[in-house]
C-alpha cells in the first residue's frame, strides 16, 4: 500500500497568504491516478498547523473536504488528520508545522 500525504507547504505561503487550492487538488488527483495504477493507495489530508489562524485553518479544512470528495469515487481511502492532530502541541516540533517523534508514531495508528 502507498500512503500519500498532501503537503500544506503550497497552501501556507511564507508571506502569510494562502496558495492556489485548485492547483493542490489537481496535483493530488494526478498523483492518486498515477499511484493507483501500481498499488493500493491512501491519501492523508493536510495536517493542522499550530497557531496558523482561522483563515488558514478553514482553507486547509476546505482542501481536505475536496480531497475526500475526490478519493471516494476513485476507491481510494482518505484519512483526515484533524481528528488526531488538531490542538495537540505535544506532537509537534516547536515550529508548529512538523511532527515530532510522538506525532510520527501517532500517524501510524490510522
PDB file of N, CA and C in Angstrom:
ATOM      1  N   UNK A   1       0.844  -1.175   0.000  1.00  0.00           N
ATOM      2  CA  UNK A   1       0.000   0.000   0.000  1.00  0.00           C
ATOM      3  C   UNK A   1       0.891   1.241   0.000  1.00  0.00           C
ATOM      4  N   UNK A   2       0.499   2.210  -0.787  1.00  0.00           N
ATOM      5  CA  UNK A   2       1.178   3.504  -0.806  1.00  0.00           C
ATOM      6  C   UNK A   2       0.304   4.501  -0.062  1.00  0.00           C
ATOM      7  N   UNK A   3       0.912   5.231   0.849  1.00  0.00           N
ATOM      8  CA  UNK A   3       0.208   6.286   1.569  1.00  0.00           C
ATOM      9  C   UNK A   3       0.823   7.606   1.146  1.00  0.00           C
ATOM     10  N   UNK A   4       0.003   8.506   0.649  1.00  0.00           N
ATOM     11  CA  UNK A   4       0.485   9.814   0.196  1.00  0.00           C
ATOM     12  C   UNK A   4      -0.159  10.893   1.052  1.00  0.00           C
ATOM     13  N   UNK A   5       0.677  11.768   1.584  1.00  0.00           N
ATOM     14  CA  UNK A   5       0.145  12.875   2.377  1.00  0.00           C
ATOM     15  C   UNK A   5       0.250  14.155   1.572  1.00  0.00           C
ATOM     16  N   UNK A   6      -0.829  14.901   1.548  1.00  0.00           N
ATOM     17  CA  UNK A   6      -0.840  16.183   0.853  1.00  0.00           C
ATOM     18  C   UNK A   6      -0.173  17.203   1.758  1.00  0.00           C
ATOM     19  N   UNK A   7       0.794  17.908   1.214  1.00  0.00           N
ATOM     20  CA  UNK A   7       1.575  18.866   1.998  1.00  0.00           C
ATOM     21  C   UNK A   7       0.858  20.200   2.126  1.00  0.00           C
ATOM     22  N   UNK A   8       1.018  20.809   3.263  1.00  0.00           N
ATOM     23  CA  UNK A   8       0.467  22.146   3.467  1.00  0.00           C
ATOM     24  C   UNK A   8       1.382  23.243   2.981  1.00  0.00           C
ATOM     25  N   UNK A   9       2.590  22.892   2.527  1.00  0.00           N
ATOM     26  CA  UNK A   9       3.546  23.924   2.124  1.00  0.00           C
ATOM     27  C   UNK A   9       3.038  24.791   0.981  1.00  0.00           C
ATOM     28  N   UNK A  10       2.286  24.215   0.057  1.00  0.00           N
ATOM     29  CA  UNK A  10       1.751  25.012  -1.047  1.00  0.00           C
ATOM     30  C   UNK A  10       0.513  25.803  -0.635  1.00  0.00           C
ATOM     31  N   UNK A  11      -0.086  25.427   0.478  1.00  0.00           N
ATOM     32  CA  UNK A  11      -1.277  26.137   0.944  1.00  0.00           C
ATOM     33  C   UNK A  11      -0.915  27.344   1.799  1.00  0.00           C
ATOM     34  N   UNK A  12       0.128  27.206   2.603  1.00  0.00           N
ATOM     35  CA  UNK A  12       0.544  28.276   3.503  1.00  0.00           C
ATOM     36  C   UNK A  12       1.848  28.871   2.995  1.00  0.00           C
ATOM     37  N   UNK A  13       1.777  30.012   2.368  1.00  0.00           N
ATOM     38  CA  UNK A  13       2.945  30.643   1.770  1.00  0.00           C
ATOM     39  C   UNK A  13       3.689  31.482   2.805  1.00  0.00           C
ATOM     40  N   UNK A  14       4.959  31.738   2.552  1.00  0.00           N
ATOM     41  CA  UNK A  14       5.802  32.466   3.501  1.00  0.00           C
ATOM     42  C   UNK A  14       5.304  33.879   3.792  1.00  0.00           C
ATOM     43  N   UNK A  15       4.671  34.505   2.834  1.00  0.00           N
ATOM     44  CA  UNK A  15       4.225  35.886   3.021  1.00  0.00           C
ATOM     45  C   UNK A  15       2.903  35.981   3.773  1.00  0.00           C
ATOM     46  N   UNK A  16       2.416  34.869   4.295  1.00  0.00           N
ATOM     47  CA  UNK A  16       1.183  34.873   5.063  1.00  0.00           C
ATOM     48  C   UNK A  16      -0.068  34.653   4.233  1.00  0.00           C
ATOM     49  N   UNK A  17       0.071  34.660   2.910  1.00  0.00           N
ATOM     50  CA  UNK A  17      -1.080  34.419   2.042  1.00  0.00           C
ATOM     51  C   UNK A  17      -1.280  32.918   1.878  1.00  0.00           C
ATOM     52  N   UNK A  18      -2.434  32.567   1.346  1.00  0.00           N
ATOM     53  CA  UNK A  18      -2.678  31.152   1.078  1.00  0.00           C
ATOM     54  C   UNK A  18      -2.537  30.887  -0.413  1.00  0.00           C
ATOM     55  N   UNK A  19      -2.121  29.666  -0.725  1.00  0.00           N
ATOM     56  CA  UNK A  19      -1.841  29.296  -2.106  1.00  0.00           C
ATOM     57  C   UNK A  19      -3.088  28.914  -2.887  1.00  0.00           C
ATOM     58  N   UNK A  20      -2.850  28.438  -4.088  1.00  0.00           N
ATOM     59  CA  UNK A  20      -3.894  28.082  -5.040  1.00  0.00           C
ATOM     60  C   UNK A  20      -4.462  26.700  -4.711  1.00  0.00           C
ATOM     61  N   UNK A  21      -5.630  26.668  -4.085  1.00  0.00           N
ATOM     62  CA  UNK A  21      -6.207  25.388  -3.681  1.00  0.00           C
ATOM     63  C   UNK A  21      -6.582  24.523  -4.880  1.00  0.00           C
ATOM     64  N   UNK A  22      -6.980  25.132  -5.978  1.00  0.00           N
ATOM     65  CA  UNK A  22      -7.347  24.358  -7.170  1.00  0.00           C
ATOM     66  C   UNK A  22      -6.148  23.568  -7.693  1.00  0.00           C
ATOM     67  N   UNK A  23      -4.962  24.188  -7.701  1.00  0.00           N
ATOM     68  CA  UNK A  23      -3.747  23.502  -8.150  1.00  0.00           C
ATOM     69  C   UNK A  23      -3.407  22.349  -7.205  1.00  0.00           C
ATOM     70  N   UNK A  24      -3.597  22.554  -5.917  1.00  0.00           N
ATOM     71  CA  UNK A  24      -3.326  21.494  -4.947  1.00  0.00           C
ATOM     72  C   UNK A  24      -4.221  20.285  -5.229  1.00  0.00           C
ATOM     73  N   UNK A  25      -5.499  20.526  -5.481  1.00  0.00           N
ATOM     74  CA  UNK A  25      -6.441  19.438  -5.763  1.00  0.00           C
ATOM     75  C   UNK A  25      -6.075  18.732  -7.066  1.00  0.00           C
ATOM     76  N   UNK A  26      -5.784  19.499  -8.115  1.00  0.00           N
ATOM     77  CA  UNK A  26      -5.427  18.896  -9.409  1.00  0.00           C
ATOM     78  C   UNK A  26      -4.150  18.072  -9.304  1.00  0.00           C
ATOM     79  N   UNK A  27      -3.149  18.590  -8.596  1.00  0.00           N
ATOM     80  CA  UNK A  27      -1.906  17.840  -8.404  1.00  0.00           C
ATOM     81  C   UNK A  27      -2.164  16.552  -7.626  1.00  0.00           C
ATOM     82  N   UNK A  28      -3.018  16.625  -6.615  1.00  0.00           N
ATOM     83  CA  UNK A  28      -3.340  15.434  -5.824  1.00  0.00           C
ATOM     84  C   UNK A  28      -4.076  14.401  -6.674  1.00  0.00           C
ATOM     85  N   UNK A  29      -4.992  14.864  -7.520  1.00  0.00           N
ATOM     86  CA  UNK A  29      -5.720  13.943  -8.400  1.00  0.00           C
ATOM     87  C   UNK A  29      -4.755  13.226  -9.340  1.00  0.00           C
ATOM     88  N   UNK A  30      -3.808  13.962  -9.896  1.00  0.00           N
ATOM     89  CA  UNK A  30      -2.818  13.358 -10.788  1.00  0.00           C
ATOM     90  C   UNK A  30      -1.991  12.322 -10.024  1.00  0.00           C
ATOM     91  N   UNK A  31      -1.535  12.693  -8.823  1.00  0.00           N
ATOM     92  CA  UNK A  31      -0.713  11.798  -8.020  1.00  0.00           C
ATOM     93  C   UNK A  31      -1.480  10.512  -7.703  1.00  0.00           C
ATOM     94  N   UNK A  32      -2.726  10.640  -7.277  1.00  0.00           N
ATOM     95  CA  UNK A  32      -3.532   9.466  -6.929  1.00  0.00           C
ATOM     96  C   UNK A  32      -3.751   8.586  -8.154  1.00  0.00           C
ATOM     97  N   UNK A  33      -4.033   9.197  -9.278  1.00  0.00           N
ATOM     98  CA  UNK A  33      -4.254   8.442 -10.507  1.00  0.00           C
ATOM     99  C   UNK A  33      -3.021   7.623 -10.869  1.00  0.00           C
ATOM    100  N   UNK A  34      -1.847   8.229 -10.749  1.00  0.00           N
ATOM    101  CA  UNK A  34      -0.603   7.520 -11.060  1.00  0.00           C
ATOM    102  C   UNK A  34      -0.329   6.405 -10.052  1.00  0.00           C
ATOM    103  N   UNK A  35      -0.470   6.696  -8.768  1.00  0.00           N
ATOM    104  CA  UNK A  35      -0.183   5.696  -7.740  1.00  0.00           C
ATOM    105  C   UNK A  35      -1.150   4.523  -7.792  1.00  0.00           C
ATOM    106  N   UNK A  36      -2.390   4.811  -8.091  1.00  0.00           N
ATOM    107  CA  UNK A  36      -3.422   3.781  -8.099  1.00  0.00           C
ATOM    108  C   UNK A  36      -3.167   2.710  -9.155  1.00  0.00           C
ATOM    109  N   UNK A  37      -2.445   3.075 -10.181  1.00  0.00           N
ATOM    110  CA  UNK A  37      -2.154   2.094 -11.237  1.00  0.00           C
ATOM    111  C   UNK A  37      -1.263   0.971 -10.734  1.00  0.00           C
ATOM    112  N   UNK A  38      -0.489   1.226  -9.680  1.00  0.00           N
ATOM    113  CA  UNK A  38       0.513   0.266  -9.228  1.00  0.00           C
ATOM    114  C   UNK A  38       0.255  -0.321  -7.841  1.00  0.00           C
ATOM    115  N   UNK A  39      -0.490   0.374  -7.002  1.00  0.00           N
ATOM    116  CA  UNK A  39      -0.641  -0.044  -5.611  1.00  0.00           C
ATOM    117  C   UNK A  39      -2.003   0.353  -5.065  1.00  0.00           C
ATOM    118  N   UNK A  40      -2.375  -0.287  -3.958  1.00  0.00           N
ATOM    119  CA  UNK A  40      -3.486   0.250  -3.168  1.00  0.00           C
ATOM    120  C   UNK A  40      -3.002   1.574  -2.596  1.00  0.00           C
ATOM    121  N   UNK A  41      -3.859   2.542  -2.558  1.00  0.00           N
ATOM    122  CA  UNK A  41      -3.428   3.890  -2.206  1.00  0.00           C
ATOM    123  C   UNK A  41      -4.340   4.503  -1.154  1.00  0.00           C
ATOM    124  N   UNK A  42      -3.727   5.260  -0.244  1.00  0.00           N
ATOM    125  CA  UNK A  42      -4.470   6.070   0.722  1.00  0.00           C
ATOM    126  C   UNK A  42      -3.904   7.482   0.676  1.00  0.00           C
ATOM    127  N   UNK A  43      -4.756   8.455   0.863  1.00  0.00           N
ATOM    128  CA  UNK A  43      -4.344   9.857   0.871  1.00  0.00           C
ATOM    129  C   UNK A  43      -4.613  10.425   2.261  1.00  0.00           C
ATOM    130  N   UNK A  44      -3.602  11.077   2.819  1.00  0.00           N
ATOM    131  CA  UNK A  44      -3.743  11.766   4.101  1.00  0.00           C
ATOM    132  C   UNK A  44      -3.850  13.251   3.806  1.00  0.00           C
ATOM    133  N   UNK A  45      -4.844  13.892   4.358  1.00  0.00           N
ATOM    134  CA  UNK A  45      -5.056  15.316   4.127  1.00  0.00           C
ATOM    135  C   UNK A  45      -3.985  16.183   4.773  1.00  0.00           C
ATOM    136  N   UNK A  46      -4.156  17.475   4.618  1.00  0.00           N
ATOM    137  CA  UNK A  46      -3.219  18.456   5.161  1.00  0.00           C
ATOM    138  C   UNK A  46      -3.338  18.475   6.679  1.00  0.00           C
ATOM    139  N   UNK A  47      -2.198  18.390   7.351  1.00  0.00           N
ATOM    140  CA  UNK A  47      -2.168  18.448   8.808  1.00  0.00           C
ATOM    141  C   UNK A  47      -2.502  19.855   9.292  1.00  0.00           C
ATOM    142  N   UNK A  48      -3.188  19.967  10.434  1.00  0.00           N
ATOM    143  CA  UNK A  48      -3.394  21.295  11.005  1.00  0.00           C
ATOM    144  C   UNK A  48      -2.063  21.850  11.502  1.00  0.00           C
ATOM    145  N   UNK A  49      -1.890  23.153  11.391  1.00  0.00           N
ATOM    146  CA  UNK A  49      -0.683  23.805  11.890  1.00  0.00           C
ATOM    147  C   UNK A  49      -1.028  24.575  13.149  1.00  0.00           C
ATOM    148  N   UNK A  50      -0.181  24.464  14.136  1.00  0.00           N
ATOM    149  CA  UNK A  50      -0.421  25.181  15.383  1.00  0.00           C
ATOM    150  C   UNK A  50      -0.273  26.674  15.155  1.00  0.00           C
ATOM    151  N   UNK A  51      -1.204  27.450  15.664  1.00  0.00           N
ATOM    152  CA  UNK A  51      -1.119  28.905  15.589  1.00  0.00           C
ATOM    153  C   UNK A  51      -1.240  29.483  14.201  1.00  0.00           C
ATOM    154  N   UNK A  52      -1.879  28.773  13.279  1.00  0.00           N
ATOM    155  CA  UNK A  52      -1.936  29.258  11.895  1.00  0.00           C
ATOM    156  C   UNK A  52      -3.085  30.229  11.644  1.00  0.00           C
ATOM    157  N   UNK A  53      -4.005  30.376  12.572  1.00  0.00           N
ATOM    158  CA  UNK A  53      -5.118  31.298  12.392  1.00  0.00           C
ATOM    159  C   UNK A  53      -6.317  30.635  11.743  1.00  0.00           C
ATOM    160  N   UNK A  54      -7.477  31.237  11.928  1.00  0.00           N
ATOM    161  CA  UNK A  54      -8.723  30.620  11.476  1.00  0.00           C
ATOM    162  C   UNK A  54      -8.860  30.595   9.957  1.00  0.00           C
ATOM    163  N   UNK A  55      -8.332  31.626   9.252  1.00  0.00           N
ATOM    164  CA  UNK A  55      -8.441  31.633   7.789  1.00  0.00           C
ATOM    165  C   UNK A  55      -7.650  30.471   7.193  1.00  0.00           C
ATOM    166  N   UNK A  56      -6.414  30.291   7.653  1.00  0.00           N
ATOM    167  CA  UNK A  56      -5.580  29.199   7.146  1.00  0.00           C
ATOM    168  C   UNK A  56      -6.188  27.851   7.510  1.00  0.00           C
ATOM    169  N   UNK A  57      -6.737  27.759   8.708  1.00  0.00           N
ATOM    170  CA  UNK A  57      -7.360  26.513   9.136  1.00  0.00           C
ATOM    171  C   UNK A  57      -8.560  26.173   8.259  1.00  0.00           C
ATOM    172  N   UNK A  58      -9.392  27.165   7.962  1.00  0.00           N
ATOM    173  CA  UNK A  58     -10.566  26.893   7.127  1.00  0.00           C
ATOM    174  C   UNK A  58     -10.168  26.531   5.698  1.00  0.00           C
ATOM    175  N   UNK A  59      -9.076  27.131   5.179  1.00  0.00           N
ATOM    176  CA  UNK A  59      -8.593  26.760   3.841  1.00  0.00           C
ATOM    177  C   UNK A  59      -8.144  25.299   3.831  1.00  0.00           C
ATOM    178  N   UNK A  60      -7.389  24.890   4.848  1.00  0.00           N
ATOM    179  CA  UNK A  60      -6.910  23.507   4.915  1.00  0.00           C
ATOM    180  C   UNK A  60      -8.080  22.535   5.046  1.00  0.00           C
ATOM    181  N   UNK A  61      -9.054  22.871   5.864  1.00  0.00           N
ATOM    182  CA  UNK A  61     -10.230  22.011   6.013  1.00  0.00           C
ATOM    183  C   UNK A  61     -10.968  21.901   4.682  1.00  0.00           C
ATOM    184  N   UNK A  62     -11.089  23.016   3.965  1.00  0.00           N
ATOM    185  CA  UNK A  62     -11.744  23.001   2.654  1.00  0.00           C
ATOM    186  C   UNK A  62     -11.024  22.110   1.656  1.00  0.00           C
ATOM    187  N   UNK A  63      -9.689  22.188   1.640  1.00  0.00           N
ATOM    188  CA  UNK A  63      -8.910  21.322   0.744  1.00  0.00           C
ATOM    189  C   UNK A  63      -9.119  19.863   1.138  1.00  0.00           C
ATOM    190  N   UNK A  64      -9.075  19.578   2.433  1.00  0.00           N
ATOM    191  CA  UNK A  64      -9.265  18.194   2.879  1.00  0.00           C
ATOM    192  C   UNK A  64     -10.644  17.661   2.491  1.00  0.00           C
ATOM    193  N   UNK A  65     -11.668  18.494   2.606  1.00  0.00           N
ATOM    194  CA  UNK A  65     -13.011  18.056   2.205  1.00  0.00           C
ATOM    195  C   UNK A  65     -13.065  17.744   0.714  1.00  0.00           C
ATOM    196  N   UNK A  66     -12.413  18.572  -0.087  1.00  0.00           N
ATOM    197  CA  UNK A  66     -12.393  18.327  -1.538  1.00  0.00           C
ATOM    198  C   UNK A  66     -11.582  17.085  -1.876  1.00  0.00           C
ATOM    199  N   UNK A  67     -10.476  16.871  -1.147  1.00  0.00           N
ATOM    200  CA  UNK A  67      -9.681  15.664  -1.371  1.00  0.00           C
ATOM    201  C   UNK A  67     -10.501  14.411  -1.059  1.00  0.00           C
ATOM    202  N   UNK A  68     -11.242  14.457   0.038  1.00  0.00           N
ATOM    203  CA  UNK A  68     -12.084  13.310   0.388  1.00  0.00           C
ATOM    204  C   UNK A  68     -13.134  13.064  -0.693  1.00  0.00           C
ATOM    205  N   UNK A  69     -13.744  14.135  -1.191  1.00  0.00           N
ATOM    206  CA  UNK A  69     -14.720  14.007  -2.282  1.00  0.00           C
ATOM    207  C   UNK A  69     -14.086  13.411  -3.535  1.00  0.00           C
ATOM    208  N   UNK A  70     -12.810  13.733  -3.777  1.00  0.00           N
ATOM    209  CA  UNK A  70     -12.093  13.215  -4.931  1.00  0.00           C
ATOM    210  C   UNK A  70     -11.780  11.728  -4.747  1.00  0.00           C
ATOM    211  N   UNK A  71     -11.399  11.342  -3.528  1.00  0.00           N
ATOM    212  CA  UNK A  71     -10.961   9.968  -3.271  1.00  0.00           C
ATOM    213  C   UNK A  71     -12.105   8.958  -3.311  1.00  0.00           C
ATOM    214  N   UNK A  72     -13.261   9.336  -2.812  1.00  0.00           N
ATOM    215  CA  UNK A  72     -14.376   8.395  -2.679  1.00  0.00           C
ATOM    216  C   UNK A  72     -14.733   7.696  -3.983  1.00  0.00           C
ATOM    217  N   UNK A  73     -15.001   8.422  -5.079  1.00  0.00           N
ATOM    218  CA  UNK A  73     -15.365   7.716  -6.314  1.00  0.00           C
ATOM    219  C   UNK A  73     -14.209   6.928  -6.931  1.00  0.00           C
ATOM    220  N   UNK A  74     -12.981   7.248  -6.537  1.00  0.00           N
ATOM    221  CA  UNK A  74     -11.820   6.531  -7.065  1.00  0.00           C
ATOM    222  C   UNK A  74     -11.519   5.264  -6.275  1.00  0.00           C
ATOM    223  N   UNK A  75     -12.248   5.052  -5.182  1.00  0.00           N
ATOM    224  CA  UNK A  75     -11.988   3.886  -4.347  1.00  0.00           C
ATOM    225  C   UNK A  75     -10.705   4.000  -3.556  1.00  0.00           C
ATOM    226  N   UNK A  76     -10.288   5.228  -3.265  1.00  0.00           N
ATOM    227  CA  UNK A  76      -9.053   5.482  -2.532  1.00  0.00           C
ATOM    228  C   UNK A  76      -9.426   5.919  -1.118  1.00  0.00           C
ATOM    229  N   UNK A  77      -8.758   5.342  -0.127  1.00  0.00           N
ATOM    230  CA  UNK A  77      -9.036   5.711   1.260  1.00  0.00           C
ATOM    231  C   UNK A  77      -8.503   7.109   1.537  1.00  0.00           C
ATOM    232  N   UNK A  78      -9.309   7.936   2.198  1.00  0.00           N
ATOM    233  CA  UNK A  78      -8.877   9.266   2.624  1.00  0.00           C
ATOM    234  C   UNK A  78      -8.823   9.288   4.146  1.00  0.00           C
ATOM    235  N   UNK A  79      -7.726   9.809   4.680  1.00  0.00           N
ATOM    236  CA  UNK A  79      -7.558   9.939   6.122  1.00  0.00           C
ATOM    237  C   UNK A  79      -7.513  11.423   6.455  1.00  0.00           C
ATOM    238  N   UNK A  80      -8.437  11.868   7.296  1.00  0.00           N
ATOM    239  CA  UNK A  80      -8.477  13.269   7.711  1.00  0.00           C
ATOM    240  C   UNK A  80      -7.689  13.417   9.010  1.00  0.00           C
ATOM    241  N   UNK A  81      -6.561  14.123   8.974  1.00  0.00           N
ATOM    242  CA  UNK A  81      -5.691  14.200  10.141  1.00  0.00           C
ATOM    243  C   UNK A  81      -6.197  15.109  11.258  1.00  0.00           C
ATOM    244  N   UNK A  82      -7.233  15.889  11.019  1.00  0.00           N
ATOM    245  CA  UNK A  82      -7.678  16.842  12.038  1.00  0.00           C
ATOM    246  C   UNK A  82      -8.157  16.170  13.307  1.00  0.00           C
ATOM    247  N   UNK A  83      -8.827  15.041  13.184  1.00  0.00           N
ATOM    248  CA  UNK A  83      -9.337  14.358  14.375  1.00  0.00           C
ATOM    249  C   UNK A  83      -8.218  13.895  15.297  1.00  0.00           C
ATOM    250  N   UNK A  84      -7.063  13.599  14.741  1.00  0.00           N
ATOM    251  CA  UNK A  84      -5.939  13.089  15.526  1.00  0.00           C
ATOM    252  C   UNK A  84      -5.009  14.211  15.984  1.00  0.00           C
ATOM    253  N   UNK A  85      -4.791  15.229  15.147  1.00  0.00           N
ATOM    254  CA  UNK A  85      -3.716  16.182  15.397  1.00  0.00           C
ATOM    255  C   UNK A  85      -4.129  17.585  15.835  1.00  0.00           C
ATOM    256  N   UNK A  86      -5.368  17.978  15.620  1.00  0.00           N
ATOM    257  CA  UNK A  86      -5.749  19.366  15.901  1.00  0.00           C
ATOM    258  C   UNK A  86      -5.586  19.716  17.384  1.00  0.00           C
ATOM    259  N   UNK A  87      -4.868  20.810  17.651  1.00  0.00           N
ATOM    260  CA  UNK A  87      -4.690  21.326  19.003  1.00  0.00           C
ATOM    261  C   UNK A  87      -3.744  20.533  19.881  1.00  0.00           C
ATOM    262  N   UNK A  88      -2.999  19.604  19.324  1.00  0.00           N
ATOM    263  CA  UNK A  88      -2.102  18.742  20.100  1.00  0.00           C
ATOM    264  C   UNK A  88      -0.666  19.226  19.994  1.00  0.00           C
ATOM    265  N   UNK A  89      -0.319  20.235  20.762  1.00  0.00           N
ATOM    266  CA  UNK A  89       1.033  20.797  20.733  1.00  0.00           C
ATOM    267  C   UNK A  89       2.086  19.765  21.118  1.00  0.00           C
ATOM    268  N   UNK A  90       1.693  18.743  21.868  1.00  0.00           N
ATOM    269  CA  UNK A  90       2.646  17.732  22.334  1.00  0.00           C
ATOM    270  C   UNK A  90       3.198  16.851  21.224  1.00  0.00           C
ATOM    271  N   UNK A  91       2.609  16.885  20.034  1.00  0.00           N
ATOM    272  CA  UNK A  91       3.086  16.005  18.964  1.00  0.00           C
ATOM    273  C   UNK A  91       3.766  16.766  17.823  1.00  0.00           C
ATOM    274  N   UNK A  92       3.974  18.067  18.026  1.00  0.00           N
ATOM    275  CA  UNK A  92       4.622  18.897  17.007  1.00  0.00           C
ATOM    276  C   UNK A  92       5.996  19.360  17.470  1.00  0.00           C
ATOM    277  N   UNK A  93       6.862  19.599  16.495  1.00  0.00           N
ATOM    278  CA  UNK A  93       8.114  20.287  16.776  1.00  0.00           C
ATOM    279  C   UNK A  93       7.783  21.738  17.122  1.00  0.00           C
ATOM    280  N   UNK A  94       8.739  22.491  17.674  1.00  0.00           N
ATOM    281  CA  UNK A  94       8.460  23.883  18.049  1.00  0.00           C
ATOM    282  C   UNK A  94       7.955  24.763  16.904  1.00  0.00           C
ATOM    283  N   UNK A  95       8.212  24.378  15.643  1.00  0.00           N
ATOM    284  CA  UNK A  95       7.740  25.204  14.519  1.00  0.00           C
ATOM    285  C   UNK A  95       6.226  25.119  14.322  1.00  0.00           C
ATOM    286  N   UNK A  96       5.562  24.170  14.983  1.00  0.00           N
ATOM    287  CA  UNK A  96       4.114  24.038  14.870  1.00  0.00           C
ATOM    288  C   UNK A  96       3.644  23.459  13.550  1.00  0.00           C
ATOM    289  N   UNK A  97       4.582  23.026  12.719  1.00  0.00           N
ATOM    290  CA  UNK A  97       4.265  22.514  11.384  1.00  0.00           C
ATOM    291  C   UNK A  97       4.599  21.028  11.278  1.00  0.00           C
ATOM    292  N   UNK A  98       5.791  20.667  11.681  1.00  0.00           N
ATOM    293  CA  UNK A  98       6.278  19.300  11.510  1.00  0.00           C
ATOM    294  C   UNK A  98       6.055  18.482  12.778  1.00  0.00           C
ATOM    295  N   UNK A  99       5.801  17.197  12.582  1.00  0.00           N
ATOM    296  CA  UNK A  99       5.552  16.303  13.706  1.00  0.00           C
ATOM    297  C   UNK A  99       6.848  15.893  14.387  1.00  0.00           C
ATOM    298  N   UNK A 100       6.802  15.773  15.710  1.00  0.00           N
ATOM    299  CA  UNK A 100       7.937  15.230  16.448  1.00  0.00           C
ATOM    300  C   UNK A 100       7.824  13.699  16.444  1.00  0.00           C
ATOM    301  N   UNK A 101       8.688  13.040  17.197  1.00  0.00           N
ATOM    302  CA  UNK A 101       8.701  11.572  17.199  1.00  0.00           C
ATOM    303  C   UNK A 101       7.349  11.006  17.648  1.00  0.00           C
ATOM    304  N   UNK A 102       6.769  11.573  18.692  1.00  0.00           N
ATOM    305  CA  UNK A 102       5.464  11.111  19.169  1.00  0.00           C
ATOM    306  C   UNK A 102       4.398  11.313  18.089  1.00  0.00           C
ATOM    307  N   UNK A 103       4.451  12.442  17.402  1.00  0.00           N
ATOM    308  CA  UNK A 103       3.493  12.716  16.332  1.00  0.00           C
ATOM    309  C   UNK A 103       3.632  11.746  15.174  1.00  0.00           C
ATOM    310  N   UNK A 104       4.877  11.442  14.823  1.00  0.00           N
ATOM    311  CA  UNK A 104       5.097  10.480  13.736  1.00  0.00           C
ATOM    312  C   UNK A 104       4.582   9.097  14.127  1.00  0.00           C
ATOM    313  N   UNK A 105       4.764   8.722  15.388  1.00  0.00           N
ATOM    314  CA  UNK A 105       4.224   7.434  15.842  1.00  0.00           C
ATOM    315  C   UNK A 105       2.703   7.452  15.818  1.00  0.00           C
ATOM    316  N   UNK A 106       2.108   8.586  16.186  1.00  0.00           N
ATOM    317  CA  UNK A 106       0.640   8.707  16.161  1.00  0.00           C
ATOM    318  C   UNK A 106       0.099   8.549  14.753  1.00  0.00           C
ATOM    319  N   UNK A 107       0.859   9.014  13.775  1.00  0.00           N
ATOM    320  CA  UNK A 107       0.375   8.937  12.396  1.00  0.00           C
ATOM    321  C   UNK A 107       0.320   7.498  11.897  1.00  0.00           C
ATOM    322  N   UNK A 108       1.001   6.607  12.553  1.00  0.00           N
ATOM    323  CA  UNK A 108       0.970   5.206  12.157  1.00  0.00           C
ATOM    324  C   UNK A 108      -0.221   4.437  12.698  1.00  0.00           C
ATOM    325  N   UNK A 109      -1.096   5.113  13.466  1.00  0.00           N
ATOM    326  CA  UNK A 109      -2.227   4.417  14.087  1.00  0.00           C
ATOM    327  C   UNK A 109      -3.509   4.515  13.282  1.00  0.00           C
ATOM    328  N   UNK A 110      -3.477   5.143  12.134  1.00  0.00           N
ATOM    329  CA  UNK A 110      -4.697   5.276  11.336  1.00  0.00           C
ATOM    330  C   UNK A 110      -5.090   3.929  10.839  1.00  0.00           C
TER     331      UNK A 110
END
